[in-house]
Amino acid sequence: QVQLVESGGGLVQPGGSLRLSCAASGFTFSTYAMSWFRQAPGKERELVASITTGGGITNSADSVKGRFTISRDNAKNTLYLQMNSLKPEDTAVYHCAKDSTAWRLGVSRRLYEYDYWGQGTQVTVSS
């Protein structure tokens, strides 16, 4: 069965960095676009960054542009999110998600087009 397991979250001071990982199994990882979403308490889940199957196209929310970088290693079936210059407003539970369509051209911003989600990893940015 499909499994997505995030790791790497934690407590970090403003300006610090974290690297999130998402270990994927149960499907052919290299044939699906992947994304990171986040959800803060009392807020809707929002798209953070997306990456195509081969990693050639990435997309990120305006709020994280220039600070967060999404990447993937298809040989290791792993998705990453490098987060630099973290701000208190980045505090949230971060989830990786699998696109429902194999070999999609580009990436989707629609939550309903993602069919599997990880349990999430908590990121807290505070001094």
Protein backbone atom coordinates (compact mmCIF):
# COMPACT_ATOMS: atom_id res chain seq x y z
CA GLN A 1 0.00 0.00 0.00
CA VAL A 2 1.03 3.60 -0.52
CA GLN A 3 2.91 5.11 2.39
CA LEU A 4 4.35 8.58 2.81
CA VAL A 5 6.36 9.19 5.95
CA GLU A 6 7.66 12.65 6.77
CA SER A 7 10.56 13.43 9.07
CA GLY A 8 12.87 16.29 9.94
CA GLY A 9 10.53 18.68 11.69
CA GLY A 10 11.25 20.30 15.02
CA LEU A 11 11.73 23.50 16.94
CA VAL A 12 13.99 26.10 15.37
CA GLN A 13 14.75 29.75 16.04
CA PRO A 14 13.78 32.44 13.53
CA GLY A 15 16.35 32.60 10.77
CA GLY A 16 17.23 28.95 11.19
CA SER A 17 16.99 26.05 8.76
CA LEU A 18 15.39 22.63 8.60
CA ARG A 19 15.34 19.91 5.98
CA LEU A 20 12.20 17.82 5.74
CA SER A 21 12.16 14.39 4.15
CA CYS A 22 9.30 12.27 2.86
CA ALA A 23 9.99 8.58 2.36
CA ALA A 24 7.63 7.08 -0.21
CA SER A 25 6.72 3.44 -0.77
CA GLY A 26 4.03 1.31 -2.36
CA PHE A 27 4.00 3.05 -5.75
CA THR A 28 6.37 4.00 -8.57
CA PHE A 29 7.65 7.22 -7.03
CA SER A 30 9.37 8.48 -10.18
CA THR A 31 6.13 8.62 -12.18
CA TYR A 32 4.22 11.02 -9.93
CA ALA A 33 4.58 14.70 -9.21
CA MET A 34 4.82 15.43 -5.50
CA SER A 35 4.10 18.38 -3.28
CA TRP A 36 4.51 19.74 0.20
CA PHE A 37 1.54 21.31 1.95
CA ARG A 38 1.30 22.87 5.39
CA GLN A 39 -1.48 23.58 7.84
CA ALA A 40 -1.28 25.96 10.75
CA PRO A 41 -3.78 25.84 13.64
CA GLY A 42 -7.08 27.38 12.60
CA LYS A 43 -6.00 27.81 9.01
CA GLU A 44 -6.67 25.96 5.78
CA ARG A 45 -4.11 23.59 4.31
CA GLU A 46 -1.96 25.47 1.81
CA LEU A 47 0.38 24.42 -0.96
CA VAL A 48 4.02 25.13 -0.17
CA ALA A 49 5.93 23.66 -3.11
CA SER A 50 5.58 21.15 -5.92
CA ILE A 51 7.92 19.20 -8.17
CA THR A 52 7.42 17.26 -11.39
CA THR A 53 8.35 13.62 -11.87
CA GLY A 54 11.91 14.27 -12.99
CA GLY A 55 12.40 17.35 -10.89
CA GLY A 56 12.72 19.62 -13.90
CA ILE A 57 9.85 21.89 -12.89
CA THR A 58 9.24 23.19 -9.41
CA ASN A 59 6.74 25.65 -8.05
CA SER A 60 6.47 27.32 -4.68
CA ALA A 61 4.15 29.65 -2.84
CA ASP A 62 5.02 33.34 -2.90
CA SER A 63 5.41 33.28 0.88
CA VAL A 64 8.34 30.84 0.69
CA LYS A 65 9.97 31.81 -2.61
CA GLY A 66 13.70 32.30 -2.22
CA ARG A 67 13.68 30.53 1.17
CA PHE A 68 12.35 27.01 0.55
CA THR A 69 13.57 24.53 -2.06
CA ILE A 70 11.80 21.35 -3.04
CA SER A 71 13.76 18.45 -4.51
CA ARG A 72 13.50 14.72 -4.99
CA ASP A 73 15.74 11.68 -5.30
CA ASN A 74 13.93 9.12 -7.42
CA ALA A 75 16.59 6.49 -6.75
CA LYS A 76 15.84 6.77 -3.02
CA ASN A 77 12.07 7.31 -3.37
CA THR A 78 12.41 10.41 -1.23
CA LEU A 79 11.06 13.95 -1.42
CA TYR A 80 12.78 16.84 0.35
CA LEU A 81 12.01 20.37 1.46
CA GLN A 82 14.96 22.54 2.39
CA MET A 83 13.71 25.44 4.51
CA ASN A 84 16.01 28.39 5.17
CA SER A 85 15.48 31.76 6.84
CA LEU A 86 12.55 30.36 8.75
CA LYS A 87 9.97 32.76 10.17
CA PRO A 88 7.42 32.30 12.98
CA GLU A 89 4.67 32.33 10.36
CA ASP A 90 6.15 29.16 8.86
CA THR A 91 5.02 27.28 11.98
CA ALA A 92 2.69 24.49 10.84
CA VAL A 93 2.35 20.77 10.29
CA TYR A 94 3.99 19.94 6.98
CA HIS A 95 2.60 17.13 4.83
CA CYS A 96 3.92 15.56 1.66
CA ALA A 97 1.37 14.49 -0.91
CA LYS A 98 1.26 12.31 -4.01
CA ASP A 99 -0.39 13.49 -7.23
CA SER A 100 -3.25 11.23 -8.30
CA THR A 101 -2.24 11.31 -11.98
CA ALA A 102 0.87 9.57 -13.26
CA TRP A 103 3.07 11.54 -15.61
CA ARG A 104 1.13 14.77 -15.17
CA LEU A 105 2.48 17.57 -17.32
CA GLY A 106 3.46 20.18 -14.78
CA VAL A 107 2.16 20.26 -11.22
CA SER A 108 -1.28 20.71 -9.70
CA ARG A 109 -2.26 23.29 -7.09
CA ARG A 110 -5.60 21.59 -6.32
CA LEU A 111 -5.81 19.60 -3.09
CA TYR A 112 -8.35 17.20 -4.59
CA GLU A 113 -5.83 16.09 -7.19
CA TYR A 114 -3.63 14.57 -4.49
CA ASP A 115 -4.71 11.11 -3.40
CA TYR A 116 -2.27 10.16 -0.64
CA TRP A 117 -0.91 12.24 2.22
CA GLY A 118 1.64 11.67 4.93
CA GLN A 119 0.79 12.04 8.59
CA GLY A 120 2.76 15.26 8.80
CA THR A 121 5.74 16.61 10.71
CA GLN A 122 5.52 19.60 13.04
CA VAL A 123 7.68 22.64 12.34
CA THR A 124 7.77 25.29 15.05
CA VAL A 125 9.69 28.52 14.56
CA SER A 126 10.08 30.38 17.81
CA SER A 127 12.68 32.10 19.94
